[in-house]
Amino acid sequence: SVVIDDTGIGMPSDICEKINNHEFVQSTEGTMEEKGVGLGMMICIDLSRANDAVFGVDSVEGKGTAVTIIFDAE
């Protein structure tokens, strides 16, 4: 498994749910006011699925986000 986590601004639970359901979510500004379009997360999900891996994202607003990819999840 691979876990990538940060101590950024986090995301609301409804956004995490949308990401975990592979629904496109418009990115918001990050801690350094960087902008994105949300495409990177969708690419990670697609690559995970293409490799039979399980992808999940958990986040707490104001605390940060953890993205987990589990390979050989059979």
PDB file of N, CA and C in Angstrom:
ATOM      1  N   SER A   1       0.839  -1.187   0.000  1.00  0.00           N
ATOM      2  CA  SER A   1       0.000   0.000   0.000  1.00  0.00           C
ATOM      3  C   SER A   1       0.878   1.243   0.000  1.00  0.00           C
ATOM      4  N   VAL A   2       0.281   2.318  -0.460  1.00  0.00           N
ATOM      5  CA  VAL A   2       0.944   3.614  -0.482  1.00  0.00           C
ATOM      6  C   VAL A   2      -0.003   4.601   0.181  1.00  0.00           C
ATOM      7  N   VAL A   3       0.524   5.391   1.112  1.00  0.00           N
ATOM      8  CA  VAL A   3      -0.275   6.422   1.766  1.00  0.00           C
ATOM      9  C   VAL A   3       0.441   7.752   1.584  1.00  0.00           C
ATOM     10  N   ILE A   4      -0.287   8.715   1.080  1.00  0.00           N
ATOM     11  CA  ILE A   4       0.237  10.073   0.925  1.00  0.00           C
ATOM     12  C   ILE A   4      -0.644  10.964   1.779  1.00  0.00           C
ATOM     13  N   ASP A   5      -0.029  11.659   2.732  1.00  0.00           N
ATOM     14  CA  ASP A   5      -0.850  12.523   3.578  1.00  0.00           C
ATOM     15  C   ASP A   5      -0.208  13.889   3.740  1.00  0.00           C
ATOM     16  N   ASP A   6      -1.036  14.837   4.140  1.00  0.00           N
ATOM     17  CA  ASP A   6      -0.534  16.188   4.341  1.00  0.00           C
ATOM     18  C   ASP A   6      -1.226  16.804   5.550  1.00  0.00           C
ATOM     19  N   THR A   7      -0.763  17.967   5.905  1.00  0.00           N
ATOM     20  CA  THR A   7      -1.363  18.707   7.018  1.00  0.00           C
ATOM     21  C   THR A   7      -1.921  20.020   6.499  1.00  0.00           C
ATOM     22  N   GLY A   8      -2.535  19.954   5.326  1.00  0.00           N
ATOM     23  CA  GLY A   8      -3.095  21.142   4.691  1.00  0.00           C
ATOM     24  C   GLY A   8      -4.448  21.525   5.237  1.00  0.00           C
ATOM     25  N   ILE A   9      -5.259  22.125   4.377  1.00  0.00           N
ATOM     26  CA  ILE A   9      -6.552  22.654   4.811  1.00  0.00           C
ATOM     27  C   ILE A   9      -7.628  21.589   4.895  1.00  0.00           C
ATOM     28  N   GLY A  10      -7.387  20.407   4.350  1.00  0.00           N
ATOM     29  CA  GLY A  10      -8.371  19.339   4.391  1.00  0.00           C
ATOM     30  C   GLY A  10      -9.550  19.601   3.471  1.00  0.00           C
ATOM     31  N   MET A  11     -10.480  18.640   3.474  1.00  0.00           N
ATOM     32  CA  MET A  11     -11.666  18.733   2.625  1.00  0.00           C
ATOM     33  C   MET A  11     -12.885  18.299   3.429  1.00  0.00           C
ATOM     34  N   PRO A  12     -14.037  18.848   3.101  1.00  0.00           N
ATOM     35  CA  PRO A  12     -15.267  18.394   3.756  1.00  0.00           C
ATOM     36  C   PRO A  12     -15.574  16.938   3.380  1.00  0.00           C
ATOM     37  N   SER A  13     -16.314  16.253   4.231  1.00  0.00           N
ATOM     38  CA  SER A  13     -16.614  14.842   4.001  1.00  0.00           C
ATOM     39  C   SER A  13     -17.410  14.609   2.719  1.00  0.00           C
ATOM     40  N   ASP A  14     -18.263  15.557   2.316  1.00  0.00           N
ATOM     41  CA  ASP A  14     -19.031  15.354   1.087  1.00  0.00           C
ATOM     42  C   ASP A  14     -18.124  15.361  -0.144  1.00  0.00           C
ATOM     43  N   ILE A  15     -17.052  16.132  -0.096  1.00  0.00           N
ATOM     44  CA  ILE A  15     -16.090  16.147  -1.200  1.00  0.00           C
ATOM     45  C   ILE A  15     -15.333  14.818  -1.248  1.00  0.00           C
ATOM     46  N   CYS A  16     -14.917  14.309  -0.084  1.00  0.00           N
ATOM     47  CA  CYS A  16     -14.234  13.009  -0.041  1.00  0.00           C
ATOM     48  C   CYS A  16     -15.130  11.913  -0.603  1.00  0.00           C
ATOM     49  N   GLU A  17     -16.401  11.957  -0.251  1.00  0.00           N
ATOM     50  CA  GLU A  17     -17.342  10.960  -0.743  1.00  0.00           C
ATOM     51  C   GLU A  17     -17.450  11.021  -2.265  1.00  0.00           C
ATOM     52  N   LYS A  18     -17.515  12.221  -2.807  1.00  0.00           N
ATOM     53  CA  LYS A  18     -17.580  12.367  -4.263  1.00  0.00           C
ATOM     54  C   LYS A  18     -16.318  11.826  -4.925  1.00  0.00           C
ATOM     55  N   ILE A  19     -15.168  12.139  -4.358  1.00  0.00           N
ATOM     56  CA  ILE A  19     -13.908  11.645  -4.920  1.00  0.00           C
ATOM     57  C   ILE A  19     -13.883  10.120  -4.871  1.00  0.00           C
ATOM     58  N   ASN A  20     -14.254   9.539  -3.723  1.00  0.00           N
ATOM     59  CA  ASN A  20     -14.252   8.080  -3.595  1.00  0.00           C
ATOM     60  C   ASN A  20     -15.258   7.415  -4.523  1.00  0.00           C
ATOM     61  N   ASN A  21     -16.290   8.140  -4.948  1.00  0.00           N
ATOM     62  CA  ASN A  21     -17.265   7.628  -5.912  1.00  0.00           C
ATOM     63  C   ASN A  21     -16.892   7.974  -7.348  1.00  0.00           C
ATOM     64  N   HIS A  22     -15.693   8.513  -7.533  1.00  0.00           N
ATOM     65  CA  HIS A  22     -15.145   8.884  -8.832  1.00  0.00           C
ATOM     66  C   HIS A  22     -15.987   9.954  -9.522  1.00  0.00           C
ATOM     67  N   GLU A  23     -16.529  10.858  -8.736  1.00  0.00           N
ATOM     68  CA  GLU A  23     -17.239  12.009  -9.282  1.00  0.00           C
ATOM     69  C   GLU A  23     -16.253  13.160  -9.365  1.00  0.00           C
ATOM     70  N   PHE A  24     -16.277  13.867 -10.473  1.00  0.00           N
ATOM     71  CA  PHE A  24     -15.353  14.987 -10.652  1.00  0.00           C
ATOM     72  C   PHE A  24     -15.679  16.091  -9.658  1.00  0.00           C
ATOM     73  N   VAL A  25     -14.648  16.592  -8.995  1.00  0.00           N
ATOM     74  CA  VAL A  25     -14.790  17.668  -8.015  1.00  0.00           C
ATOM     75  C   VAL A  25     -13.874  18.809  -8.428  1.00  0.00           C
ATOM     76  N   GLN A  26     -14.435  19.987  -8.569  1.00  0.00           N
ATOM     77  CA  GLN A  26     -13.620  21.164  -8.897  1.00  0.00           C
ATOM     78  C   GLN A  26     -12.678  21.454  -7.731  1.00  0.00           C
ATOM     79  N   SER A  27     -11.425  21.596  -8.006  1.00  0.00           N
ATOM     80  CA  SER A  27     -10.423  21.871  -6.985  1.00  0.00           C
ATOM     81  C   SER A  27     -10.627  23.256  -6.373  1.00  0.00           C
ATOM     82  N   THR A  28     -10.243  23.383  -5.123  1.00  0.00           N
ATOM     83  CA  THR A  28     -10.261  24.685  -4.458  1.00  0.00           C
ATOM     84  C   THR A  28      -8.824  25.149  -4.257  1.00  0.00           C
ATOM     85  N   GLU A  29      -8.646  26.370  -3.832  1.00  0.00           N
ATOM     86  CA  GLU A  29      -7.295  26.875  -3.580  1.00  0.00           C
ATOM     87  C   GLU A  29      -6.673  26.133  -2.403  1.00  0.00           C
ATOM     88  N   GLY A  30      -5.379  25.889  -2.514  1.00  0.00           N
ATOM     89  CA  GLY A  30      -4.646  25.209  -1.460  1.00  0.00           C
ATOM     90  C   GLY A  30      -4.119  26.175  -0.419  1.00  0.00           C
ATOM     91  N   THR A  31      -3.262  25.671   0.451  1.00  0.00           N
ATOM     92  CA  THR A  31      -2.735  26.470   1.553  1.00  0.00           C
ATOM     93  C   THR A  31      -1.873  27.633   1.088  1.00  0.00           C
ATOM     94  N   MET A  32      -1.292  27.506  -0.106  1.00  0.00           N
ATOM     95  CA  MET A  32      -0.460  28.587  -0.635  1.00  0.00           C
ATOM     96  C   MET A  32      -1.167  29.278  -1.798  1.00  0.00           C
ATOM     97  N   GLU A  33      -2.513  29.171  -1.788  1.00  0.00           N
ATOM     98  CA  GLU A  33      -3.366  29.771  -2.810  1.00  0.00           C
ATOM     99  C   GLU A  33      -3.100  29.226  -4.213  1.00  0.00           C
ATOM    100  N   GLU A  34      -2.527  28.004  -4.278  1.00  0.00           N
ATOM    101  CA  GLU A  34      -2.325  27.383  -5.585  1.00  0.00           C
ATOM    102  C   GLU A  34      -3.676  26.909  -6.109  1.00  0.00           C
ATOM    103  N   LYS A  35      -3.804  26.902  -7.430  1.00  0.00           N
ATOM    104  CA  LYS A  35      -5.061  26.533  -8.056  1.00  0.00           C
ATOM    105  C   LYS A  35      -4.884  25.248  -8.848  1.00  0.00           C
ATOM    106  N   GLY A  36      -5.926  24.478  -8.901  1.00  0.00           N
ATOM    107  CA  GLY A  36      -5.936  23.260  -9.692  1.00  0.00           C
ATOM    108  C   GLY A  36      -7.306  23.089 -10.310  1.00  0.00           C
ATOM    109  N   VAL A  37      -7.453  22.031 -11.089  1.00  0.00           N
ATOM    110  CA  VAL A  37      -8.749  21.763 -11.704  1.00  0.00           C
ATOM    111  C   VAL A  37      -9.365  20.464 -11.194  1.00  0.00           C
ATOM    112  N   GLY A  38      -8.635  19.705 -10.347  1.00  0.00           N
ATOM    113  CA  GLY A  38      -9.156  18.455  -9.822  1.00  0.00           C
ATOM    114  C   GLY A  38      -8.861  17.251 -10.692  1.00  0.00           C
ATOM    115  N   LEU A  39      -8.161  17.462 -11.788  1.00  0.00           N
ATOM    116  CA  LEU A  39      -7.876  16.387 -12.726  1.00  0.00           C
ATOM    117  C   LEU A  39      -6.882  15.369 -12.166  1.00  0.00           C
ATOM    118  N   GLY A  40      -5.914  15.823 -11.397  1.00  0.00           N
ATOM    119  CA  GLY A  40      -4.882  14.930 -10.863  1.00  0.00           C
ATOM    120  C   GLY A  40      -5.445  13.789 -10.035  1.00  0.00           C
ATOM    121  N   MET A  41      -6.425  14.083  -9.199  1.00  0.00           N
ATOM    122  CA  MET A  41      -7.030  13.062  -8.360  1.00  0.00           C
ATOM    123  C   MET A  41      -7.760  12.021  -9.216  1.00  0.00           C
ATOM    124  N   MET A  42      -8.452  12.484 -10.252  1.00  0.00           N
ATOM    125  CA  MET A  42      -9.172  11.562 -11.143  1.00  0.00           C
ATOM    126  C   MET A  42      -8.193  10.649 -11.887  1.00  0.00           C
ATOM    127  N   ILE A  43      -7.058  11.192 -12.292  1.00  0.00           N
ATOM    128  CA  ILE A  43      -6.039  10.374 -12.970  1.00  0.00           C
ATOM    129  C   ILE A  43      -5.495   9.321 -12.014  1.00  0.00           C
ATOM    130  N   CYS A  44      -5.249   9.696 -10.769  1.00  0.00           N
ATOM    131  CA  CYS A  44      -4.760   8.732  -9.776  1.00  0.00           C
ATOM    132  C   CYS A  44      -5.758   7.603  -9.558  1.00  0.00           C
ATOM    133  N   ILE A  45      -7.039   7.951  -9.493  1.00  0.00           N
ATOM    134  CA  ILE A  45      -8.074   6.930  -9.327  1.00  0.00           C
ATOM    135  C   ILE A  45      -8.077   5.992 -10.532  1.00  0.00           C
ATOM    136  N   ASP A  46      -8.052   6.546 -11.736  1.00  0.00           N
ATOM    137  CA  ASP A  46      -8.074   5.725 -12.944  1.00  0.00           C
ATOM    138  C   ASP A  46      -6.850   4.816 -13.029  1.00  0.00           C
ATOM    139  N   LEU A  47      -5.671   5.336 -12.701  1.00  0.00           N
ATOM    140  CA  LEU A  47      -4.461   4.508 -12.720  1.00  0.00           C
ATOM    141  C   LEU A  47      -4.523   3.412 -11.663  1.00  0.00           C
ATOM    142  N   SER A  48      -5.072   3.729 -10.510  1.00  0.00           N
ATOM    143  CA  SER A  48      -5.225   2.718  -9.458  1.00  0.00           C
ATOM    144  C   SER A  48      -6.137   1.599  -9.933  1.00  0.00           C
ATOM    145  N   ARG A  49      -7.266   1.971 -10.478  1.00  0.00           N
ATOM    146  CA  ARG A  49      -8.217   0.968 -10.964  1.00  0.00           C
ATOM    147  C   ARG A  49      -7.630   0.140 -12.096  1.00  0.00           C
ATOM    148  N   ALA A  50      -6.870   0.767 -12.986  1.00  0.00           N
ATOM    149  CA  ALA A  50      -6.254   0.052 -14.101  1.00  0.00           C
ATOM    150  C   ALA A  50      -5.257  -0.992 -13.614  1.00  0.00           C
ATOM    151  N   ASN A  51      -4.739  -0.793 -12.405  1.00  0.00           N
ATOM    152  CA  ASN A  51      -3.778  -1.731 -11.818  1.00  0.00           C
ATOM    153  C   ASN A  51      -4.414  -2.584 -10.730  1.00  0.00           C
ATOM    154  N   ASP A  52      -5.742  -2.675 -10.736  1.00  0.00           N
ATOM    155  CA  ASP A  52      -6.494  -3.474  -9.762  1.00  0.00           C
ATOM    156  C   ASP A  52      -6.184  -3.092  -8.319  1.00  0.00           C
ATOM    157  N   ALA A  53      -5.937  -1.815  -8.102  1.00  0.00           N
ATOM    158  CA  ALA A  53      -5.671  -1.316  -6.752  1.00  0.00           C
ATOM    159  C   ALA A  53      -6.923  -0.636  -6.211  1.00  0.00           C
ATOM    160  N   VAL A  54      -7.002  -0.541  -4.904  1.00  0.00           N
ATOM    161  CA  VAL A  54      -8.098   0.150  -4.235  1.00  0.00           C
ATOM    162  C   VAL A  54      -7.618   1.542  -3.885  1.00  0.00           C
ATOM    163  N   PHE A  55      -8.423   2.543  -4.201  1.00  0.00           N
ATOM    164  CA  PHE A  55      -8.077   3.939  -3.963  1.00  0.00           C
ATOM    165  C   PHE A  55      -9.060   4.519  -2.953  1.00  0.00           C
ATOM    166  N   GLY A  56      -8.553   5.285  -2.001  1.00  0.00           N
ATOM    167  CA  GLY A  56      -9.435   5.935  -1.044  1.00  0.00           C
ATOM    168  C   GLY A  56      -8.836   7.238  -0.547  1.00  0.00           C
ATOM    169  N   VAL A  57      -9.704   8.176  -0.216  1.00  0.00           N
ATOM    170  CA  VAL A  57      -9.254   9.455   0.321  1.00  0.00           C
ATOM    171  C   VAL A  57     -10.045   9.759   1.589  1.00  0.00           C
ATOM    172  N   ASP A  58      -9.334  10.168   2.624  1.00  0.00           N
ATOM    173  CA  ASP A  58      -9.927  10.591   3.890  1.00  0.00           C
ATOM    174  C   ASP A  58      -9.361  11.954   4.228  1.00  0.00           C
ATOM    175  N   SER A  59     -10.205  12.805   4.798  1.00  0.00           N
ATOM    176  CA  SER A  59      -9.745  14.154   5.107  1.00  0.00           C
ATOM    177  C   SER A  59     -10.526  14.723   6.275  1.00  0.00           C
ATOM    178  N   VAL A  60      -9.869  15.614   6.987  1.00  0.00           N
ATOM    179  CA  VAL A  60     -10.499  16.359   8.072  1.00  0.00           C
ATOM    180  C   VAL A  60     -10.201  17.825   7.810  1.00  0.00           C
ATOM    181  N   GLU A  61     -11.251  18.624   7.719  1.00  0.00           N
ATOM    182  CA  GLU A  61     -11.063  20.052   7.474  1.00  0.00           C
ATOM    183  C   GLU A  61     -10.172  20.659   8.560  1.00  0.00           C
ATOM    184  N   GLY A  62      -9.205  21.436   8.130  1.00  0.00           N
ATOM    185  CA  GLY A  62      -8.288  22.090   9.047  1.00  0.00           C
ATOM    186  C   GLY A  62      -7.167  21.205   9.549  1.00  0.00           C
ATOM    187  N   LYS A  63      -7.173  19.922   9.200  1.00  0.00           N
ATOM    188  CA  LYS A  63      -6.153  18.982   9.682  1.00  0.00           C
ATOM    189  C   LYS A  63      -5.325  18.385   8.551  1.00  0.00           C
ATOM    190  N   GLY A  64      -5.962  18.084   7.414  1.00  0.00           N
ATOM    191  CA  GLY A  64      -5.222  17.499   6.308  1.00  0.00           C
ATOM    192  C   GLY A  64      -5.957  16.363   5.644  1.00  0.00           C
ATOM    193  N   THR A  65      -5.270  15.748   4.680  1.00  0.00           N
ATOM    194  CA  THR A  65      -5.858  14.720   3.839  1.00  0.00           C
ATOM    195  C   THR A  65      -4.900  13.545   3.725  1.00  0.00           C
ATOM    196  N   ALA A  66      -5.466  12.339   3.642  1.00  0.00           N
ATOM    197  CA  ALA A  66      -4.675  11.131   3.405  1.00  0.00           C
ATOM    198  C   ALA A  66      -5.281  10.400   2.217  1.00  0.00           C
ATOM    199  N   VAL A  67      -4.436  10.088   1.251  1.00  0.00           N
ATOM    200  CA  VAL A  67      -4.832   9.303   0.089  1.00  0.00           C
ATOM    201  C   VAL A  67      -4.138   7.955   0.211  1.00  0.00           C
ATOM    202  N   THR A  68      -4.924   6.891   0.084  1.00  0.00           N
ATOM    203  CA  THR A  68      -4.385   5.530   0.220  1.00  0.00           C
ATOM    204  C   THR A  68      -4.645   4.740  -1.053  1.00  0.00           C
ATOM    205  N   ILE A  69      -3.615   4.050  -1.509  1.00  0.00           N
ATOM    206  CA  ILE A  69      -3.739   3.150  -2.654  1.00  0.00           C
ATOM    207  C   ILE A  69      -3.250   1.794  -2.184  1.00  0.00           C
ATOM    208  N   ILE A  70      -4.110   0.784  -2.306  1.00  0.00           N
ATOM    209  CA  ILE A  70      -3.773  -0.569  -1.849  1.00  0.00           C
ATOM    210  C   ILE A  70      -3.696  -1.477  -3.070  1.00  0.00           C
ATOM    211  N   PHE A  71      -2.534  -2.048  -3.298  1.00  0.00           N
ATOM    212  CA  PHE A  71      -2.327  -2.973  -4.397  1.00  0.00           C
ATOM    213  C   PHE A  71      -2.556  -4.401  -3.906  1.00  0.00           C
ATOM    214  N   ASP A  72      -2.900  -5.296  -4.826  1.00  0.00           N
ATOM    215  CA  ASP A  72      -3.172  -6.688  -4.481  1.00  0.00           C
ATOM    216  C   ASP A  72      -4.179  -6.785  -3.340  1.00  0.00           C
ATOM    217  N   ALA A  73      -5.290  -6.107  -3.505  1.00  0.00           N
ATOM    218  CA  ALA A  73      -6.293  -6.035  -2.454  1.00  0.00           C
ATOM    219  C   ALA A  73      -7.234  -7.249  -2.463  1.00  0.00           C
ATOM    220  N   GLU A  74      -6.903  -8.278  -3.189  1.00  0.00           N
ATOM    221  CA  GLU A  74      -7.789  -9.445  -3.287  1.00  0.00           C
ATOM    222  C   GLU A  74      -7.876 -10.181  -1.983  1.00  0.00           C
TER     223      GLU A  74
END
